[in-house]
PDB file of N, CA and C in Angstrom:
ATOM      1  N   MET A   1     -24.127  35.150  14.725  1.00  0.00           N
ATOM      2  CA  MET A   1     -23.422  34.791  15.948  1.00  0.00           C
ATOM      3  C   MET A   1     -23.065  33.312  15.889  1.00  0.00           C
ATOM      4  N   LEU A   2     -21.852  33.013  16.322  1.00  0.00           N
ATOM      5  CA  LEU A   2     -21.353  31.652  16.344  1.00  0.00           C
ATOM      6  C   LEU A   2     -22.128  30.829  17.370  1.00  0.00           C
ATOM      7  N   ASN A   3     -22.640  29.667  16.958  1.00  0.00           N
ATOM      8  CA  ASN A   3     -23.437  28.817  17.843  1.00  0.00           C
ATOM      9  C   ASN A   3     -22.534  27.792  18.527  1.00  0.00           C
ATOM     10  N   LEU A   4     -21.898  28.213  19.615  1.00  0.00           N
ATOM     11  CA  LEU A   4     -21.043  27.302  20.373  1.00  0.00           C
ATOM     12  C   LEU A   4     -21.842  26.663  21.485  1.00  0.00           C
ATOM     13  N   GLN A   5     -21.540  25.401  21.747  1.00  0.00           N
ATOM     14  CA  GLN A   5     -22.127  24.678  22.867  1.00  0.00           C
ATOM     15  C   GLN A   5     -21.126  23.632  23.325  1.00  0.00           C
ATOM     16  N   ALA A   6     -21.351  23.067  24.494  1.00  0.00           N
ATOM     17  CA  ALA A   6     -20.444  22.042  25.013  1.00  0.00           C
ATOM     18  C   ALA A   6     -20.274  20.928  23.996  1.00  0.00           C
ATOM     19  N   ASN A   7     -19.059  20.399  23.908  1.00  0.00           N
ATOM     20  CA  ASN A   7     -18.665  19.311  23.010  1.00  0.00           C
ATOM     21  C   ASN A   7     -18.584  19.723  21.543  1.00  0.00           C
ATOM     22  N   THR A   8     -18.575  21.029  21.272  1.00  0.00           N
ATOM     23  CA  THR A   8     -18.355  21.498  19.904  1.00  0.00           C
ATOM     24  C   THR A   8     -16.855  21.502  19.635  1.00  0.00           C
ATOM     25  N   LYS A   9     -16.452  20.919  18.528  1.00  0.00           N
ATOM     26  CA  LYS A   9     -15.054  20.916  18.117  1.00  0.00           C
ATOM     27  C   LYS A   9     -14.799  22.216  17.354  1.00  0.00           C
ATOM     28  N   VAL A  10     -13.723  22.944  17.735  1.00  0.00           N
ATOM     29  CA  VAL A  10     -13.461  24.262  17.154  1.00  0.00           C
ATOM     30  C   VAL A  10     -12.005  24.404  16.725  1.00  0.00           C
ATOM     31  N   ARG A  11     -11.793  25.302  15.762  1.00  0.00           N
ATOM     32  CA  ARG A  11     -10.451  25.739  15.382  1.00  0.00           C
ATOM     33  C   ARG A  11     -10.322  27.160  15.925  1.00  0.00           C
ATOM     34  N   VAL A  12      -9.298  27.402  16.715  1.00  0.00           N
ATOM     35  CA  VAL A  12      -9.094  28.712  17.330  1.00  0.00           C
ATOM     36  C   VAL A  12      -7.759  29.259  16.847  1.00  0.00           C
ATOM     37  N   SER A  13      -7.767  30.506  16.390  1.00  0.00           N
ATOM     38  CA  SER A  13      -6.517  31.145  15.985  1.00  0.00           C
ATOM     39  C   SER A  13      -6.511  32.592  16.458  1.00  0.00           C
ATOM     40  N   ALA A  14      -5.299  33.138  16.556  1.00  0.00           N
ATOM     41  CA  ALA A  14      -5.097  34.523  16.964  1.00  0.00           C
ATOM     42  C   ALA A  14      -3.905  35.061  16.177  1.00  0.00           C
ATOM     43  N   ALA A  15      -3.823  36.367  16.074  1.00  0.00           N
ATOM     44  CA  ALA A  15      -2.724  36.992  15.333  1.00  0.00           C
ATOM     45  C   ALA A  15      -1.380  36.521  15.882  1.00  0.00           C
ATOM     46  N   GLY A  16      -0.510  36.070  14.987  1.00  0.00           N
ATOM     47  CA  GLY A  16       0.817  35.633  15.401  1.00  0.00           C
ATOM     48  C   GLY A  16       0.875  34.245  16.003  1.00  0.00           C
ATOM     49  N   GLN A  17      -0.259  33.570  16.092  1.00  0.00           N
ATOM     50  CA  GLN A  17      -0.316  32.223  16.664  1.00  0.00           C
ATOM     51  C   GLN A  17      -0.860  31.252  15.633  1.00  0.00           C
ATOM     52  N   GLY A  18      -0.332  30.060  15.615  1.00  0.00           N
ATOM     53  CA  GLY A  18      -0.893  29.030  14.747  1.00  0.00           C
ATOM     54  C   GLY A  18      -2.226  28.564  15.299  1.00  0.00           C
ATOM     55  N   PRO A  19      -3.094  28.045  14.444  1.00  0.00           N
ATOM     56  CA  PRO A  19      -4.399  27.574  14.932  1.00  0.00           C
ATOM     57  C   PRO A  19      -4.263  26.298  15.754  1.00  0.00           C
ATOM     58  N   VAL A  20      -5.213  26.104  16.656  1.00  0.00           N
ATOM     59  CA  VAL A  20      -5.314  24.866  17.417  1.00  0.00           C
ATOM     60  C   VAL A  20      -6.727  24.321  17.242  1.00  0.00           C
ATOM     61  N   ILE A  21      -6.834  23.012  17.315  1.00  0.00           N
ATOM     62  CA  ILE A  21      -8.143  22.364  17.306  1.00  0.00           C
ATOM     63  C   ILE A  21      -8.458  22.019  18.751  1.00  0.00           C
ATOM     64  N   GLY A  22      -9.623  22.429  19.200  1.00  0.00           N
ATOM     65  CA  GLY A  22     -10.000  22.191  20.585  1.00  0.00           C
ATOM     66  C   GLY A  22     -11.458  21.801  20.708  1.00  0.00           C
ATOM     67  N   ARG A  23     -11.910  21.725  21.951  1.00  0.00           N
ATOM     68  CA  ARG A  23     -13.287  21.346  22.243  1.00  0.00           C
ATOM     69  C   ARG A  23     -13.839  22.289  23.305  1.00  0.00           C
ATOM     70  N   VAL A  24     -15.054  22.765  23.094  1.00  0.00           N
ATOM     71  CA  VAL A  24     -15.721  23.592  24.091  1.00  0.00           C
ATOM     72  C   VAL A  24     -16.161  22.675  25.222  1.00  0.00           C
ATOM     73  N   GLU A  25     -15.598  22.900  26.395  1.00  0.00           N
ATOM     74  CA  GLU A  25     -15.954  22.101  27.564  1.00  0.00           C
ATOM     75  C   GLU A  25     -17.201  22.653  28.243  1.00  0.00           C
ATOM     76  N   ASP A  26     -17.329  23.986  28.238  1.00  0.00           N
ATOM     77  CA  ASP A  26     -18.442  24.628  28.916  1.00  0.00           C
ATOM     78  C   ASP A  26     -18.623  26.015  28.313  1.00  0.00           C
ATOM     79  N   ILE A  27     -19.845  26.480  28.262  1.00  0.00           N
ATOM     80  CA  ILE A  27     -20.123  27.834  27.803  1.00  0.00           C
ATOM     81  C   ILE A  27     -21.359  28.327  28.539  1.00  0.00           C
ATOM     82  N   ARG A  28     -21.273  29.571  29.054  1.00  0.00           N
ATOM     83  CA  ARG A  28     -22.385  30.118  29.829  1.00  0.00           C
ATOM     84  C   ARG A  28     -22.226  31.625  29.953  1.00  0.00           C
ATOM     85  N   PRO A  29     -23.304  32.311  30.338  1.00  0.00           N
ATOM     86  CA  PRO A  29     -23.201  33.753  30.596  1.00  0.00           C
ATOM     87  C   PRO A  29     -22.393  33.999  31.877  1.00  0.00           C
ATOM     88  N   PRO A  30     -21.778  35.172  31.990  1.00  0.00           N
ATOM     89  CA  PRO A  30     -20.952  35.461  33.166  1.00  0.00           C
ATOM     90  C   PRO A  30     -21.676  35.262  34.503  1.00  0.00           C
ATOM     91  N   ALA A  31     -22.953  35.559  34.567  1.00  0.00           N
ATOM     92  CA  ALA A  31     -23.692  35.415  35.829  1.00  0.00           C
ATOM     93  C   ALA A  31     -23.731  33.966  36.306  1.00  0.00           C
ATOM     94  N   GLU A  32     -23.540  33.014  35.390  1.00  0.00           N
ATOM     95  CA  GLU A  32     -23.588  31.595  35.743  1.00  0.00           C
ATOM     96  C   GLU A  32     -22.209  30.969  35.912  1.00  0.00           C
ATOM     97  N   VAL A  33     -21.154  31.746  35.743  1.00  0.00           N
ATOM     98  CA  VAL A  33     -19.798  31.224  35.911  1.00  0.00           C
ATOM     99  C   VAL A  33     -19.549  30.990  37.398  1.00  0.00           C
ATOM    100  N   PRO A  34     -19.027  29.823  37.772  1.00  0.00           N
ATOM    101  CA  PRO A  34     -18.774  29.556  39.199  1.00  0.00           C
ATOM    102  C   PRO A  34     -17.784  30.561  39.787  1.00  0.00           C
ATOM    103  N   ASP A  35     -17.903  30.795  41.079  1.00  0.00           N
ATOM    104  CA  ASP A  35     -16.957  31.669  41.768  1.00  0.00           C
ATOM    105  C   ASP A  35     -15.555  31.092  41.679  1.00  0.00           C
ATOM    106  N   LEU A  36     -14.572  31.971  41.621  1.00  0.00           N
ATOM    107  CA  LEU A  36     -13.180  31.563  41.600  1.00  0.00           C
ATOM    108  C   LEU A  36     -12.623  31.622  43.018  1.00  0.00           C
ATOM    109  N   ALA A  37     -12.005  30.552  43.444  1.00  0.00           N
ATOM    110  CA  ALA A  37     -11.427  30.509  44.794  1.00  0.00           C
ATOM    111  C   ALA A  37     -10.401  31.623  44.949  1.00  0.00           C
ATOM    112  N   GLY A  38     -10.482  32.327  46.059  1.00  0.00           N
ATOM    113  CA  GLY A  38      -9.511  33.376  46.342  1.00  0.00           C
ATOM    114  C   GLY A  38      -9.875  34.741  45.792  1.00  0.00           C
ATOM    115  N   PHE A  39     -10.965  34.840  45.012  1.00  0.00           N
ATOM    116  CA  PHE A  39     -11.387  36.122  44.462  1.00  0.00           C
ATOM    117  C   PHE A  39     -12.683  36.561  45.122  1.00  0.00           C
ATOM    118  N   SER A  40     -12.750  37.825  45.477  1.00  0.00           N
ATOM    119  CA  SER A  40     -13.956  38.381  46.067  1.00  0.00           C
ATOM    120  C   SER A  40     -15.010  38.562  44.981  1.00  0.00           C
ATOM    121  N   ASP A  41     -16.273  38.501  45.367  1.00  0.00           N
ATOM    122  CA  ASP A  41     -17.337  38.772  44.403  1.00  0.00           C
ATOM    123  C   ASP A  41     -17.731  40.245  44.428  1.00  0.00           C
ATOM    124  N   ARG A  42     -16.927  41.063  45.146  1.00  0.00           N
ATOM    125  CA  ARG A  42     -17.194  42.504  45.237  1.00  0.00           C
ATOM    126  C   ARG A  42     -15.915  43.283  44.949  1.00  0.00           C
ATOM    127  N   GLY A  43     -16.086  44.551  44.589  1.00  0.00           N
ATOM    128  CA  GLY A  43     -14.935  45.418  44.355  1.00  0.00           C
ATOM    129  C   GLY A  43     -14.536  45.441  42.894  1.00  0.00           C
ATOM    130  N   GLU A  44     -13.589  46.320  42.589  1.00  0.00           N
ATOM    131  CA  GLU A  44     -13.227  46.537  41.187  1.00  0.00           C
ATOM    132  C   GLU A  44     -12.481  45.367  40.561  1.00  0.00           C
ATOM    133  N   PHE A  45     -11.933  44.450  41.360  1.00  0.00           N
ATOM    134  CA  PHE A  45     -11.213  43.312  40.808  1.00  0.00           C
ATOM    135  C   PHE A  45     -12.021  42.019  40.847  1.00  0.00           C
ATOM    136  N   ALA A  46     -13.302  42.113  41.139  1.00  0.00           N
ATOM    137  CA  ALA A  46     -14.170  40.937  41.141  1.00  0.00           C
ATOM    138  C   ALA A  46     -14.363  40.472  39.696  1.00  0.00           C
ATOM    139  N   PRO A  47     -14.154  39.173  39.421  1.00  0.00           N
ATOM    140  CA  PRO A  47     -14.241  38.685  38.041  1.00  0.00           C
ATOM    141  C   PRO A  47     -15.542  39.042  37.321  1.00  0.00           C
ATOM    142  N   ARG A  48     -16.688  38.870  37.963  1.00  0.00           N
ATOM    143  CA  ARG A  48     -17.947  39.193  37.283  1.00  0.00           C
ATOM    144  C   ARG A  48     -18.068  40.692  37.001  1.00  0.00           C
ATOM    145  N   GLN A  49     -17.569  41.524  37.909  1.00  0.00           N
ATOM    146  CA  GLN A  49     -17.587  42.968  37.701  1.00  0.00           C
ATOM    147  C   GLN A  49     -16.717  43.338  36.496  1.00  0.00           C
ATOM    148  N   ILE A  50     -15.548  42.730  36.394  1.00  0.00           N
ATOM    149  CA  ILE A  50     -14.662  42.990  35.261  1.00  0.00           C
ATOM    150  C   ILE A  50     -15.341  42.570  33.959  1.00  0.00           C
ATOM    151  N   MET A  51     -15.969  41.391  33.958  1.00  0.00           N
ATOM    152  CA  MET A  51     -16.652  40.936  32.743  1.00  0.00           C
ATOM    153  C   MET A  51     -17.809  41.864  32.385  1.00  0.00           C
ATOM    154  N   ARG A  52     -18.505  42.380  33.371  1.00  0.00           N
ATOM    155  CA  ARG A  52     -19.604  43.322  33.111  1.00  0.00           C
ATOM    156  C   ARG A  52     -19.057  44.602  32.475  1.00  0.00           C
ATOM    157  N   VAL A  53     -17.962  45.134  33.007  1.00  0.00           N
ATOM    158  CA  VAL A  53     -17.343  46.345  32.451  1.00  0.00           C
ATOM    159  C   VAL A  53     -16.873  46.098  31.023  1.00  0.00           C
ATOM    160  N   TRP A  54     -16.300  44.946  30.766  1.00  0.00           N
ATOM    161  CA  TRP A  54     -15.825  44.614  29.421  1.00  0.00           C
ATOM    162  C   TRP A  54     -16.976  44.340  28.451  1.00  0.00           C
ATOM    163  N   GLY A  55     -18.174  44.075  28.942  1.00  0.00           N
ATOM    164  CA  GLY A  55     -19.306  43.757  28.079  1.00  0.00           C
ATOM    165  C   GLY A  55     -19.366  42.300  27.653  1.00  0.00           C
ATOM    166  N   VAL A  56     -18.804  41.410  28.471  1.00  0.00           N
ATOM    167  CA  VAL A  56     -18.787  39.974  28.157  1.00  0.00           C
ATOM    168  C   VAL A  56     -20.207  39.417  28.249  1.00  0.00           C
ATOM    169  N   THR A  57     -20.620  38.700  27.206  1.00  0.00           N
ATOM    170  CA  THR A  57     -21.950  38.095  27.201  1.00  0.00           C
ATOM    171  C   THR A  57     -21.912  36.578  27.390  1.00  0.00           C
ATOM    172  N   ARG A  58     -20.774  35.945  27.036  1.00  0.00           N
ATOM    173  CA  ARG A  58     -20.617  34.503  27.224  1.00  0.00           C
ATOM    174  C   ARG A  58     -19.160  34.195  27.532  1.00  0.00           C
ATOM    175  N   VAL A  59     -18.956  33.136  28.323  1.00  0.00           N
ATOM    176  CA  VAL A  59     -17.619  32.649  28.635  1.00  0.00           C
ATOM    177  C   VAL A  59     -17.554  31.200  28.179  1.00  0.00           C
ATOM    178  N   ALA A  60     -16.593  30.886  27.314  1.00  0.00           N
ATOM    179  CA  ALA A  60     -16.409  29.513  26.843  1.00  0.00           C
ATOM    180  C   ALA A  60     -15.084  28.988  27.370  1.00  0.00           C
ATOM    181  N   MET A  61     -15.114  27.811  27.963  1.00  0.00           N
ATOM    182  CA  MET A  61     -13.890  27.135  28.380  1.00  0.00           C
ATOM    183  C   MET A  61     -13.549  26.139  27.283  1.00  0.00           C
ATOM    184  N   ILE A  62     -12.379  26.305  26.685  1.00  0.00           N
ATOM    185  CA  ILE A  62     -11.967  25.505  25.528  1.00  0.00           C
ATOM    186  C   ILE A  62     -10.676  24.771  25.869  1.00  0.00           C
ATOM    187  N   CYS A  63     -10.653  23.464  25.635  1.00  0.00           N
ATOM    188  CA  CYS A  63      -9.434  22.692  25.861  1.00  0.00           C
ATOM    189  C   CYS A  63      -8.848  22.273  24.513  1.00  0.00           C
ATOM    190  N   TYR A  64      -7.539  22.082  24.501  1.00  0.00           N
ATOM    191  CA  TYR A  64      -6.843  21.618  23.291  1.00  0.00           C
ATOM    192  C   TYR A  64      -5.581  20.889  23.717  1.00  0.00           C
ATOM    193  N   ARG A  65      -5.071  20.078  22.818  1.00  0.00           N
ATOM    194  CA  ARG A  65      -3.838  19.328  23.099  1.00  0.00           C
ATOM    195  C   ARG A  65      -2.644  20.137  22.587  1.00  0.00           C
ATOM    196  N   ALA A  66      -1.757  20.519  23.516  1.00  0.00           N
ATOM    197  CA  ALA A  66      -0.533  21.217  23.151  1.00  0.00           C
ATOM    198  C   ALA A  66       0.473  20.228  22.564  1.00  0.00           C
ATOM    199  N   ASN A  67       0.415  18.995  23.044  1.00  0.00           N
ATOM    200  CA  ASN A  67       1.194  17.875  22.518  1.00  0.00           C
ATOM    201  C   ASN A  67       0.483  16.603  22.983  1.00  0.00           C
ATOM    202  N   PRO A  68       0.923  15.425  22.582  1.00  0.00           N
ATOM    203  CA  PRO A  68       0.187  14.201  22.937  1.00  0.00           C
ATOM    204  C   PRO A  68       0.015  13.975  24.437  1.00  0.00           C
ATOM    205  N   GLU A  69       0.905  14.520  25.253  1.00  0.00           N
ATOM    206  CA  GLU A  69       0.808  14.308  26.697  1.00  0.00           C
ATOM    207  C   GLU A  69       0.195  15.476  27.459  1.00  0.00           C
ATOM    208  N   LEU A  70      -0.051  16.607  26.810  1.00  0.00           N
ATOM    209  CA  LEU A  70      -0.457  17.815  27.535  1.00  0.00           C
ATOM    210  C   LEU A  70      -1.724  18.430  26.944  1.00  0.00           C
ATOM    211  N   GLU A  71      -2.780  18.452  27.765  1.00  0.00           N
ATOM    212  CA  GLU A  71      -4.016  19.116  27.378  1.00  0.00           C
ATOM    213  C   GLU A  71      -4.135  20.403  28.189  1.00  0.00           C
ATOM    214  N   LEU A  72      -4.410  21.514  27.514  1.00  0.00           N
ATOM    215  CA  LEU A  72      -4.542  22.822  28.151  1.00  0.00           C
ATOM    216  C   LEU A  72      -5.966  23.337  27.991  1.00  0.00           C
ATOM    217  N   MET A  73      -6.335  24.276  28.859  1.00  0.00           N
ATOM    218  CA  MET A  73      -7.661  24.881  28.778  1.00  0.00           C
ATOM    219  C   MET A  73      -7.516  26.390  28.938  1.00  0.00           C
ATOM    220  N   PHE A  74      -8.342  27.136  28.214  1.00  0.00           N
ATOM    221  CA  PHE A  74      -8.350  28.587  28.352  1.00  0.00           C
ATOM    222  C   PHE A  74      -9.777  29.098  28.263  1.00  0.00           C
ATOM    223  N   ALA A  75      -9.963  30.331  28.718  1.00  0.00           N
ATOM    224  CA  ALA A  75     -11.273  30.977  28.650  1.00  0.00           C
ATOM    225  C   ALA A  75     -11.316  31.890  27.428  1.00  0.00           C
ATOM    226  N   ALA A  76     -12.403  31.799  26.682  1.00  0.00           N
ATOM    227  CA  ALA A  76     -12.671  32.716  25.573  1.00  0.00           C
ATOM    228  C   ALA A  76     -13.894  33.537  25.967  1.00  0.00           C
ATOM    229  N   LEU A  77     -13.809  34.840  25.751  1.00  0.00           N
ATOM    230  CA  LEU A  77     -14.864  35.761  26.166  1.00  0.00           C
ATOM    231  C   LEU A  77     -15.552  36.367  24.947  1.00  0.00           C
ATOM    232  N   ALA A  78     -16.884  36.291  24.905  1.00  0.00           N
ATOM    233  CA  ALA A  78     -17.649  36.889  23.809  1.00  0.00           C
ATOM    234  C   ALA A  78     -18.000  38.327  24.184  1.00  0.00           C
ATOM    235  N   VAL A  79     -17.620  39.272  23.313  1.00  0.00           N
ATOM    236  CA  VAL A  79     -17.909  40.696  23.496  1.00  0.00           C
ATOM    237  C   VAL A  79     -18.377  41.242  22.153  1.00  0.00           C
ATOM    238  N   ASP A  80     -19.606  41.731  22.100  1.00  0.00           N
ATOM    239  CA  ASP A  80     -20.152  42.313  20.863  1.00  0.00           C
ATOM    240  C   ASP A  80     -20.025  41.378  19.666  1.00  0.00           C
ATOM    241  N   GLY A  81     -20.248  40.083  19.888  1.00  0.00           N
ATOM    242  CA  GLY A  81     -20.224  39.118  18.797  1.00  0.00           C
ATOM    243  C   GLY A  81     -18.834  38.667  18.379  1.00  0.00           C
ATOM    244  N   GLU A  82     -17.793  39.164  19.030  1.00  0.00           N
ATOM    245  CA  GLU A  82     -16.417  38.765  18.749  1.00  0.00           C
ATOM    246  C   GLU A  82     -15.880  38.002  19.955  1.00  0.00           C
ATOM    247  N   TRP A  83     -14.793  37.259  19.751  1.00  0.00           N
ATOM    248  CA  TRP A  83     -14.210  36.452  20.826  1.00  0.00           C
ATOM    249  C   TRP A  83     -12.818  36.953  21.166  1.00  0.00           C
ATOM    250  N   TYR A  84     -12.491  36.927  22.478  1.00  0.00           N
ATOM    251  CA  TYR A  84     -11.203  37.405  22.976  1.00  0.00           C
ATOM    252  C   TYR A  84     -10.704  36.462  24.055  1.00  0.00           C
ATOM    253  N   ASP A  85      -9.369  36.443  24.254  1.00  0.00           N
ATOM    254  CA  ASP A  85      -8.831  35.711  25.394  1.00  0.00           C
ATOM    255  C   ASP A  85      -8.772  36.657  26.591  1.00  0.00           C
ATOM    256  N   LEU A  86      -8.222  36.190  27.698  1.00  0.00           N
ATOM    257  CA  LEU A  86      -8.199  37.000  28.917  1.00  0.00           C
ATOM    258  C   LEU A  86      -7.278  38.210  28.825  1.00  0.00           C
ATOM    259  N   GLU A  87      -6.429  38.253  27.800  1.00  0.00           N
ATOM    260  CA  GLU A  87      -5.581  39.420  27.582  1.00  0.00           C
ATOM    261  C   GLU A  87      -6.184  40.361  26.536  1.00  0.00           C
ATOM    262  N   ARG A  88      -7.429  40.102  26.172  1.00  0.00           N
ATOM    263  CA  ARG A  88      -8.183  40.886  25.181  1.00  0.00           C
ATOM    264  C   ARG A  88      -7.593  40.786  23.772  1.00  0.00           C
ATOM    265  N   GLN A  89      -6.912  39.664  23.508  1.00  0.00           N
ATOM    266  CA  GLN A  89      -6.420  39.387  22.169  1.00  0.00           C
ATOM    267  C   GLN A  89      -7.575  38.793  21.365  1.00  0.00           C
ATOM    268  N   HIS A  90      -7.807  39.324  20.177  1.00  0.00           N
ATOM    269  CA  HIS A  90      -8.904  38.849  19.339  1.00  0.00           C
ATOM    270  C   HIS A  90      -8.669  37.403  18.910  1.00  0.00           C
ATOM    271  N   LEU A  91      -9.699  36.581  19.015  1.00  0.00           N
ATOM    272  CA  LEU A  91      -9.648  35.178  18.612  1.00  0.00           C
ATOM    273  C   LEU A  91     -10.589  34.945  17.439  1.00  0.00           C
ATOM    274  N   THR A  92     -10.176  34.107  16.524  1.00  0.00           N
ATOM    275  CA  THR A  92     -11.067  33.621  15.482  1.00  0.00           C
ATOM    276  C   THR A  92     -11.422  32.193  15.845  1.00  0.00           C
ATOM    277  N   ILE A  93     -12.717  31.938  16.021  1.00  0.00           N
ATOM    278  CA  ILE A  93     -13.193  30.601  16.391  1.00  0.00           C
ATOM    279  C   ILE A  93     -14.109  30.101  15.289  1.00  0.00           C
ATOM    280  N   GLU A  94     -13.804  28.912  14.789  1.00  0.00           N
ATOM    281  CA  GLU A  94     -14.620  28.277  13.745  1.00  0.00           C
ATOM    282  C   GLU A  94     -15.072  26.913  14.232  1.00  0.00           C
ATOM    283  N   VAL A  95     -16.330  26.583  14.026  1.00  0.00           N
ATOM    284  CA  VAL A  95     -16.845  25.251  14.361  1.00  0.00           C
ATOM    285  C   VAL A  95     -16.375  24.290  13.286  1.00  0.00           C
ATOM    286  N   VAL A  96     -15.782  23.154  13.724  1.00  0.00           N
ATOM    287  CA  VAL A  96     -15.307  22.146  12.778  1.00  0.00           C
ATOM    288  C   VAL A  96     -15.940  20.778  13.042  1.00  0.00           C
ATOM    289  N   GLY A  97     -16.793  20.658  14.045  1.00  0.00           N
ATOM    290  CA  GLY A  97     -17.446  19.385  14.331  1.00  0.00           C
ATOM    291  C   GLY A  97     -18.031  19.355  15.724  1.00  0.00           C
ATOM    292  N   HIS A  98     -18.406  18.148  16.150  1.00  0.00           N
ATOM    293  CA  HIS A  98     -19.001  17.964  17.478  1.00  0.00           C
ATOM    294  C   HIS A  98     -18.457  16.694  18.115  1.00  0.00           C
ATOM    295  N   GLU A  99     -18.519  16.635  19.448  1.00  0.00           N
ATOM    296  CA  GLU A  99     -18.178  15.447  20.240  1.00  0.00           C
ATOM    297  C   GLU A  99     -16.736  14.982  20.049  1.00  0.00           C
ATOM    298  N   GLY A 100     -15.936  15.205  21.047  1.00  0.00           N
ATOM    299  CA  GLY A 100     -14.561  14.709  21.050  1.00  0.00           C
ATOM    300  C   GLY A 100     -13.601  15.633  20.322  1.00  0.00           C
ATOM    301  N   MET A 101     -12.337  15.231  20.291  1.00  0.00           N
ATOM    302  CA  MET A 101     -11.306  16.016  19.637  1.00  0.00           C
ATOM    303  C   MET A 101     -10.675  15.150  18.592  1.00  0.00           C
TER     304      MET A 101
END
């Protein structure tokens, strides 16, 4: 299992996409993810319920620079030892260092 933690520098790639170098800003189990404004914590569309159904064991928030002026962030979801984005696209994540980008 990939040992990701905050401030880990990573290379992230997906099919049809070029790799990006980013940094893990936060990583935690779904039960510890803060509530999302505007979303109920109950019902079939509750974020934690969806993650439970999908079998998500960890959520990593990863930021990267799209260009020198623009930094973006996305969520990566760990399911059965593999990583996916919110559209369930498989991600390859490799550790390339620590602290900073």
